[in-house]
Each structure stands twice: as C-alpha cells, then as structure tokens.
Amino acid sequence: MYWRQIHWAWFGIHFFLLTAVCFAGIFWLIAQGSTILPSASDEYARDAELAATWCLGKEAEASNPLRRGIAMYLHAAGIQAGYTFFAPNVPNQHRLTFELFYDDGRVEHQSPQVLSKAAALRLDTLLDKLADERYEAVREVLVKMLAFSVWRQHQDVKKVRATFGSVNPPDIDEFEQGKRETFQPMFSFDFSLRDDQDQ
C-alpha cells in the first residue's frame, strides 16, 4: 500500500512536470506569433508561459537547488523539450561553405564532408547551434576545426575563408515563379592554416 502511494505520487509529479514543459513550449510559440491565433493573444500567452516556466523553477536563481533538481530530472527523463522540439516550427537551415585559396590564384568552394548519415545529422545540429548568440564565443574555434579537416585533404591551400549563413527557401508564390533558395551570410572567418602549422 505504501509503495503504491509512492508510485502514484511519482506519477503525479512526472505528469505535472511533463505538462508544464509542453505548456511552456506551446505558450512560447503563441507569444512569438508563430501560430494562426490573433496577435491580441500574445500578451496572455507570455503570462501563461511565465507561469509554466515558474512551475519548472526557471524563474529561480541558477544556483537554486530546487531549480537544479527539476532541471536534472527533466534531462534524465528526456522531457526537457516539449512539442516545439519537433513541429510545426522546423528551425531555419544553415550552411557553412569554405573558399579554398591556392597559391596559383585558384579558388574552390567546398562544404564540410561527412562519412555517414548520422554524422550529417550531427553536423546539421551543430550548424543550427552556431547560429545561436549563446555560442558566439566558441564559433571561431568550431569553424576552425571544421576548416582544418578540409585543409588536411587540400594541403596546398594558402588560405581558407569560412562563411556561415542561413538558407532561406522561397515561399510558395516565389517557388511557382521559379525562384530558388537564397543564402544570407551571417559571419565569416579567414584562416591561414599553413602559417598555423609553421608555428
């Protein structure tokens, strides 16, 4: 009898946290104007999102043990992300291209190469994260590591310029008119990898 009460209490806590995560995601979408609901509902959605995130302890200090405990449980249970992780808002596609400059003046363009579908998925995820401002401090290091992997296959390259940006697909009307996707550069880095090797 005692264990049954513990199981029901655990189920109740788990279901409550799962519901709060889902509601926080849904209300965030509404507040961002990503749904067909009228813009008048945005303010109410922000308040509701705040209430849901408060239930998850996210309004507490980062060092708060309750907040840390809830976050640890959510990640351990795999319920830290709600419906918004999947659909309907698929994140923007990003692209990283390398311009390879040779001593003889040639310039080639190349994308990061992967050996498997799993690696391609990981690379796409990494590129989506690079667009986030929170990762600005590590962007150059990560891009340089990818540039170095390209340079190993083309060791006579003098300089590599890495350009990162978002790929914007055309809307339905533009697609019917024959327009293609557009590339919007966000940042770029120049690497002289040969000099780095000499040091």
C-alpha atoms as a PDB file:
ATOM      1  CA  MET A   1       0.000   0.000   0.000  1.00  0.00           C
ATOM      2  CA  TYR A   2       2.830   2.365   0.938  1.00  0.00           C
ATOM      3  CA  TRP A   3       4.690   1.684  -2.341  1.00  0.00           C
ATOM      4  CA  ARG A   4       1.532   2.243  -4.349  1.00  0.00           C
ATOM      5  CA  GLN A   5       1.200   5.726  -2.835  1.00  0.00           C
ATOM      6  CA  ILE A   6       4.812   6.484  -3.719  1.00  0.00           C
ATOM      7  CA  HIS A   7       4.233   5.315  -7.294  1.00  0.00           C
ATOM      8  CA  TRP A   8       1.129   7.495  -7.660  1.00  0.00           C
ATOM      9  CA  ALA A   9       2.926  10.492  -6.151  1.00  0.00           C
ATOM     10  CA  TRP A  10       5.863   9.965  -8.529  1.00  0.00           C
ATOM     11  CA  PHE A  11       3.498   9.642 -11.486  1.00  0.00           C
ATOM     12  CA  GLY A  12       1.710  12.839 -10.442  1.00  0.00           C
ATOM     13  CA  ILE A  13       4.976  14.808 -10.195  1.00  0.00           C
ATOM     14  CA  HIS A  14       6.241  13.421 -13.518  1.00  0.00           C
ATOM     15  CA  PHE A  15       2.959  14.159 -15.316  1.00  0.00           C
ATOM     16  CA  PHE A  16       2.840  17.673 -13.811  1.00  0.00           C
ATOM     17  CA  LEU A  17       6.374  18.475 -15.000  1.00  0.00           C
ATOM     18  CA  LEU A  18       5.709  16.996 -18.443  1.00  0.00           C
ATOM     19  CA  THR A  19       2.547  19.089 -18.769  1.00  0.00           C
ATOM     20  CA  ALA A  20       4.375  22.240 -17.635  1.00  0.00           C
ATOM     21  CA  VAL A  21       7.124  21.676 -20.230  1.00  0.00           C
ATOM     22  CA  CYS A  22       4.566  21.202 -23.012  1.00  0.00           C
ATOM     23  CA  PHE A  23       2.513  24.232 -21.990  1.00  0.00           C
ATOM     24  CA  ALA A  24       5.656  26.383 -21.739  1.00  0.00           C
ATOM     25  CA  GLY A  25       6.549  25.402 -25.310  1.00  0.00           C
ATOM     26  CA  ILE A  26       3.051  25.950 -26.674  1.00  0.00           C
ATOM     27  CA  PHE A  27       2.627  29.339 -24.983  1.00  0.00           C
ATOM     28  CA  TRP A  28       6.083  30.373 -26.199  1.00  0.00           C
ATOM     29  CA  LEU A  29       5.024  29.619 -29.777  1.00  0.00           C
ATOM     30  CA  ILE A  30       1.862  31.674 -29.372  1.00  0.00           C
ATOM     31  CA  ALA A  31       3.777  34.579 -27.775  1.00  0.00           C
ATOM     32  CA  GLN A  32       6.236  34.570 -30.700  1.00  0.00           C
ATOM     33  CA  GLY A  33       3.362  34.917 -33.181  1.00  0.00           C
ATOM     34  CA  SER A  34       4.156  31.553 -34.757  1.00  0.00           C
ATOM     35  CA  THR A  35       0.551  30.376 -34.809  1.00  0.00           C
ATOM     36  CA  ILE A  36      -2.645  31.439 -36.591  1.00  0.00           C
ATOM     37  CA  LEU A  37      -4.032  32.912 -33.371  1.00  0.00           C
ATOM     38  CA  PRO A  38      -4.610  36.696 -33.385  1.00  0.00           C
ATOM     39  CA  SER A  39      -1.790  38.902 -32.090  1.00  0.00           C
ATOM     40  CA  ALA A  40      -4.028  40.021 -29.199  1.00  0.00           C
ATOM     41  CA  SER A  41      -3.368  36.626 -27.583  1.00  0.00           C
ATOM     42  CA  ASP A  42       0.418  37.198 -27.499  1.00  0.00           C
ATOM     43  CA  GLU A  43       0.408  39.050 -24.179  1.00  0.00           C
ATOM     44  CA  TYR A  44      -1.759  36.416 -22.477  1.00  0.00           C
ATOM     45  CA  ALA A  45       0.495  33.709 -23.886  1.00  0.00           C
ATOM     46  CA  ARG A  46       3.574  35.420 -22.401  1.00  0.00           C
ATOM     47  CA  ASP A  47       1.951  35.463 -18.967  1.00  0.00           C
ATOM     48  CA  ALA A  48       0.932  31.814 -19.300  1.00  0.00           C
ATOM     49  CA  GLU A  49       4.444  30.885 -20.446  1.00  0.00           C
ATOM     50  CA  LEU A  50       5.876  32.664 -17.390  1.00  0.00           C
ATOM     51  CA  ALA A  51       3.533  30.668 -15.140  1.00  0.00           C
ATOM     52  CA  ALA A  52       4.586  27.395 -16.771  1.00  0.00           C
ATOM     53  CA  THR A  53       8.299  28.213 -16.520  1.00  0.00           C
ATOM     54  CA  TRP A  54       7.767  29.235 -12.878  1.00  0.00           C
ATOM     55  CA  CYS A  55       6.375  25.739 -12.218  1.00  0.00           C
ATOM     56  CA  LEU A  56       9.597  24.360 -13.705  1.00  0.00           C
ATOM     57  CA  GLY A  57      11.705  26.515 -11.381  1.00  0.00           C
ATOM     58  CA  LYS A  58      13.210  28.517 -14.244  1.00  0.00           C
ATOM     59  CA  GLU A  59      12.387  31.842 -12.601  1.00  0.00           C
ATOM     60  CA  ALA A  60      14.563  30.979  -9.588  1.00  0.00           C
ATOM     61  CA  GLU A  61      18.269  31.735  -9.287  1.00  0.00           C
ATOM     62  CA  ALA A  62      20.545  29.477 -11.338  1.00  0.00           C
ATOM     63  CA  SER A  63      22.127  28.158  -8.140  1.00  0.00           C
ATOM     64  CA  ASN A  64      18.759  27.316  -6.554  1.00  0.00           C
ATOM     65  CA  PRO A  65      18.776  23.589  -5.588  1.00  0.00           C
ATOM     66  CA  LEU A  66      15.095  23.147  -6.490  1.00  0.00           C
ATOM     67  CA  ARG A  67      15.696  24.572  -9.975  1.00  0.00           C
ATOM     68  CA  ARG A  68      18.756  22.375 -10.419  1.00  0.00           C
ATOM     69  CA  GLY A  69      16.895  19.305  -9.176  1.00  0.00           C
ATOM     70  CA  ILE A  70      13.981  19.862 -11.565  1.00  0.00           C
ATOM     71  CA  ALA A  71      16.349  20.500 -14.489  1.00  0.00           C
ATOM     72  CA  MET A  72      18.329  17.345 -13.684  1.00  0.00           C
ATOM     73  CA  TYR A  73      15.154  15.259 -13.530  1.00  0.00           C
ATOM     74  CA  LEU A  74      13.792  16.713 -16.790  1.00  0.00           C
ATOM     75  CA  HIS A  75      17.027  15.914 -18.623  1.00  0.00           C
ATOM     76  CA  ALA A  76      17.331  12.452 -17.077  1.00  0.00           C
ATOM     77  CA  ALA A  77      13.739  11.644 -18.054  1.00  0.00           C
ATOM     78  CA  GLY A  78      14.188  13.142 -21.541  1.00  0.00           C
ATOM     79  CA  ILE A  79      11.265  15.526 -21.138  1.00  0.00           C
ATOM     80  CA  GLN A  80      13.162  18.829 -21.055  1.00  0.00           C
ATOM     81  CA  ALA A  81      11.799  19.780 -24.504  1.00  0.00           C
ATOM     82  CA  GLY A  82       8.133  19.691 -25.411  1.00  0.00           C
ATOM     83  CA  TYR A  83       6.277  19.548 -28.685  1.00  0.00           C
ATOM     84  CA  THR A  84       8.144  22.562 -30.070  1.00  0.00           C
ATOM     85  CA  PHE A  85      11.243  20.394 -30.464  1.00  0.00           C
ATOM     86  CA  PHE A  86       9.583  18.517 -33.313  1.00  0.00           C
ATOM     87  CA  ALA A  87       6.955  20.577 -35.110  1.00  0.00           C
ATOM     88  CA  PRO A  88       5.407  22.689 -36.506  1.00  0.00           C
ATOM     89  CA  ASN A  89       8.384  25.073 -36.327  1.00  0.00           C
ATOM     90  CA  VAL A  90      11.254  23.386 -38.093  1.00  0.00           C
ATOM     91  CA  PRO A  91      14.363  25.525 -37.482  1.00  0.00           C
ATOM     92  CA  ASN A  92      15.976  27.501 -40.273  1.00  0.00           C
ATOM     93  CA  GLN A  93      18.547  25.673 -42.308  1.00  0.00           C
ATOM     94  CA  HIS A  94      22.120  26.902 -42.047  1.00  0.00           C
ATOM     95  CA  ARG A  95      25.091  26.355 -44.314  1.00  0.00           C
ATOM     96  CA  LEU A  96      28.831  26.556 -43.864  1.00  0.00           C
ATOM     97  CA  THR A  97      30.910  26.941 -47.017  1.00  0.00           C
ATOM     98  CA  PHE A  98      34.666  27.066 -47.417  1.00  0.00           C
ATOM     99  CA  GLU A  99      36.515  29.061 -50.057  1.00  0.00           C
ATOM    100  CA  LEU A 100      39.904  27.469 -50.674  1.00  0.00           C
ATOM    101  CA  PHE A 101      42.550  29.908 -51.958  1.00  0.00           C
ATOM    102  CA  TYR A 102      45.564  28.363 -53.715  1.00  0.00           C
ATOM    103  CA  ASP A 103      48.976  29.903 -54.438  1.00  0.00           C
ATOM    104  CA  ASP A 104      48.305  29.916 -58.186  1.00  0.00           C
ATOM    105  CA  GLY A 105      45.176  32.072 -57.729  1.00  0.00           C
ATOM    106  CA  ARG A 106      42.613  29.283 -57.982  1.00  0.00           C
ATOM    107  CA  VAL A 107      39.602  29.419 -55.683  1.00  0.00           C
ATOM    108  CA  GLU A 108      37.481  26.370 -54.923  1.00  0.00           C
ATOM    109  CA  HIS A 109      34.292  26.096 -52.891  1.00  0.00           C
ATOM    110  CA  GLN A 110      33.623  23.178 -50.596  1.00  0.00           C
ATOM    111  CA  SER A 111      31.256  22.186 -47.811  1.00  0.00           C
ATOM    112  CA  PRO A 112      32.217  20.141 -44.739  1.00  0.00           C
ATOM    113  CA  GLN A 113      32.399  16.463 -45.652  1.00  0.00           C
ATOM    114  CA  VAL A 114      30.845  13.688 -43.554  1.00  0.00           C
ATOM    115  CA  LEU A 115      31.132   9.924 -43.827  1.00  0.00           C
ATOM    116  CA  SER A 116      27.679   8.822 -42.682  1.00  0.00           C
ATOM    117  CA  LYS A 117      24.078   9.944 -42.329  1.00  0.00           C
ATOM    118  CA  ALA A 118      24.498  10.065 -38.557  1.00  0.00           C
ATOM    119  CA  ALA A 119      27.474  12.411 -38.926  1.00  0.00           C
ATOM    120  CA  ALA A 120      25.465  14.579 -41.343  1.00  0.00           C
ATOM    121  CA  LEU A 121      22.677  14.885 -38.767  1.00  0.00           C
ATOM    122  CA  ARG A 122      25.194  15.855 -36.081  1.00  0.00           C
ATOM    123  CA  LEU A 123      26.750  18.439 -38.408  1.00  0.00           C
ATOM    124  CA  ASP A 124      23.324  19.958 -39.184  1.00  0.00           C
ATOM    125  CA  THR A 125      22.604  20.166 -35.458  1.00  0.00           C
ATOM    126  CA  LEU A 126      25.989  21.810 -34.842  1.00  0.00           C
ATOM    127  CA  LEU A 127      25.360  24.371 -37.590  1.00  0.00           C
ATOM    128  CA  ASP A 128      21.941  25.224 -36.129  1.00  0.00           C
ATOM    129  CA  LYS A 129      23.591  25.780 -32.732  1.00  0.00           C
ATOM    130  CA  LEU A 130      26.293  28.023 -34.234  1.00  0.00           C
ATOM    131  CA  ALA A 131      23.599  30.486 -35.276  1.00  0.00           C
ATOM    132  CA  ASP A 132      22.582  30.937 -31.637  1.00  0.00           C
ATOM    133  CA  GLU A 133      24.100  34.002 -29.961  1.00  0.00           C
ATOM    134  CA  ARG A 134      24.876  31.949 -26.851  1.00  0.00           C
ATOM    135  CA  TYR A 135      27.577  30.095 -28.807  1.00  0.00           C
ATOM    136  CA  GLU A 136      29.251  33.198 -30.235  1.00  0.00           C
ATOM    137  CA  ALA A 137      32.310  32.710 -28.000  1.00  0.00           C
ATOM    138  CA  VAL A 138      33.101  29.275 -29.471  1.00  0.00           C
ATOM    139  CA  ARG A 139      32.104  29.869 -33.098  1.00  0.00           C
ATOM    140  CA  GLU A 140      35.571  30.641 -34.404  1.00  0.00           C
ATOM    141  CA  VAL A 141      37.135  27.622 -32.684  1.00  0.00           C
ATOM    142  CA  LEU A 142      34.496  25.209 -34.019  1.00  0.00           C
ATOM    143  CA  VAL A 143      34.626  26.634 -37.539  1.00  0.00           C
ATOM    144  CA  LYS A 144      38.431  26.477 -37.475  1.00  0.00           C
ATOM    145  CA  MET A 145      38.279  22.792 -36.523  1.00  0.00           C
ATOM    146  CA  LEU A 146      35.983  22.122 -39.493  1.00  0.00           C
ATOM    147  CA  ALA A 147      38.243  24.191 -41.771  1.00  0.00           C
ATOM    148  CA  PHE A 148      41.246  22.178 -40.584  1.00  0.00           C
ATOM    149  CA  SER A 149      39.540  18.924 -41.596  1.00  0.00           C
ATOM    150  CA  VAL A 150      39.061  20.348 -45.114  1.00  0.00           C
ATOM    151  CA  TRP A 151      42.645  21.631 -45.211  1.00  0.00           C
ATOM    152  CA  ARG A 152      44.007  18.142 -44.425  1.00  0.00           C
ATOM    153  CA  GLN A 153      42.586  17.000 -47.774  1.00  0.00           C
ATOM    154  CA  HIS A 154      43.988  20.049 -49.638  1.00  0.00           C
ATOM    155  CA  GLN A 155      47.334  20.808 -48.009  1.00  0.00           C
ATOM    156  CA  ASP A 156      48.479  23.105 -50.823  1.00  0.00           C
ATOM    157  CA  VAL A 157      45.757  25.612 -49.901  1.00  0.00           C
ATOM    158  CA  LYS A 158      47.122  29.022 -48.848  1.00  0.00           C
ATOM    159  CA  LYS A 159      44.041  30.375 -47.075  1.00  0.00           C
ATOM    160  CA  VAL A 160      40.545  29.179 -46.159  1.00  0.00           C
ATOM    161  CA  ARG A 161      37.591  31.531 -45.807  1.00  0.00           C
ATOM    162  CA  ALA A 162      34.681  30.017 -43.915  1.00  0.00           C
ATOM    163  CA  THR A 163      31.296  31.673 -44.464  1.00  0.00           C
ATOM    164  CA  PHE A 164      28.313  30.772 -42.324  1.00  0.00           C
ATOM    165  CA  GLY A 165      24.753  31.827 -43.066  1.00  0.00           C
ATOM    166  CA  SER A 166      21.109  30.908 -43.236  1.00  0.00           C
ATOM    167  CA  VAL A 167      19.401  29.320 -46.207  1.00  0.00           C
ATOM    168  CA  ASN A 168      16.022  30.891 -46.888  1.00  0.00           C
ATOM    169  CA  PRO A 169      13.675  28.836 -49.054  1.00  0.00           C
ATOM    170  CA  PRO A 170      11.267  30.704 -51.330  1.00  0.00           C
ATOM    171  CA  ASP A 171       7.617  30.937 -50.349  1.00  0.00           C
ATOM    172  CA  ILE A 172       5.008  29.174 -52.481  1.00  0.00           C
ATOM    173  CA  ASP A 173       4.446  32.113 -54.842  1.00  0.00           C
ATOM    174  CA  GLU A 174       8.171  32.650 -55.372  1.00  0.00           C
ATOM    175  CA  PHE A 175       8.687  28.929 -55.964  1.00  0.00           C
ATOM    176  CA  GLU A 176       5.982  28.903 -58.634  1.00  0.00           C
ATOM    177  CA  GLN A 177       7.786  31.799 -60.329  1.00  0.00           C
ATOM    178  CA  GLY A 178      10.966  29.719 -60.431  1.00  0.00           C
ATOM    179  CA  LYS A 179      12.878  31.441 -57.633  1.00  0.00           C
ATOM    180  CA  ARG A 180      15.439  29.406 -55.724  1.00  0.00           C
ATOM    181  CA  GLU A 181      16.558  29.456 -52.116  1.00  0.00           C
ATOM    182  CA  THR A 182      18.722  32.393 -51.045  1.00  0.00           C
ATOM    183  CA  PHE A 183      21.803  32.378 -48.851  1.00  0.00           C
ATOM    184  CA  GLN A 184      22.107  35.116 -46.210  1.00  0.00           C
ATOM    185  CA  PRO A 185      25.665  35.301 -44.771  1.00  0.00           C
ATOM    186  CA  MET A 186      25.824  35.808 -41.002  1.00  0.00           C
ATOM    187  CA  PHE A 187      29.582  35.749 -40.323  1.00  0.00           C
ATOM    188  CA  SER A 188      32.856  34.622 -41.875  1.00  0.00           C
ATOM    189  CA  PHE A 189      36.386  33.787 -40.756  1.00  0.00           C
ATOM    190  CA  ASP A 190      39.673  33.742 -42.665  1.00  0.00           C
ATOM    191  CA  PHE A 191      42.222  31.098 -41.701  1.00  0.00           C
ATOM    192  CA  SER A 192      45.798  30.848 -42.889  1.00  0.00           C
ATOM    193  CA  LEU A 193      46.258  27.277 -41.789  1.00  0.00           C
ATOM    194  CA  ARG A 194      49.681  26.857 -43.332  1.00  0.00           C
ATOM    195  CA  ASP A 195      51.042  29.602 -41.058  1.00  0.00           C
ATOM    196  CA  ASP A 196      49.473  27.867 -38.052  1.00  0.00           C
ATOM    197  CA  GLN A 197      51.325  24.673 -38.904  1.00  0.00           C
ATOM    198  CA  ASP A 198      54.656  26.502 -39.134  1.00  0.00           C
ATOM    199  CA  GLN A 199      54.327  27.988 -35.656  1.00  0.00           C
END
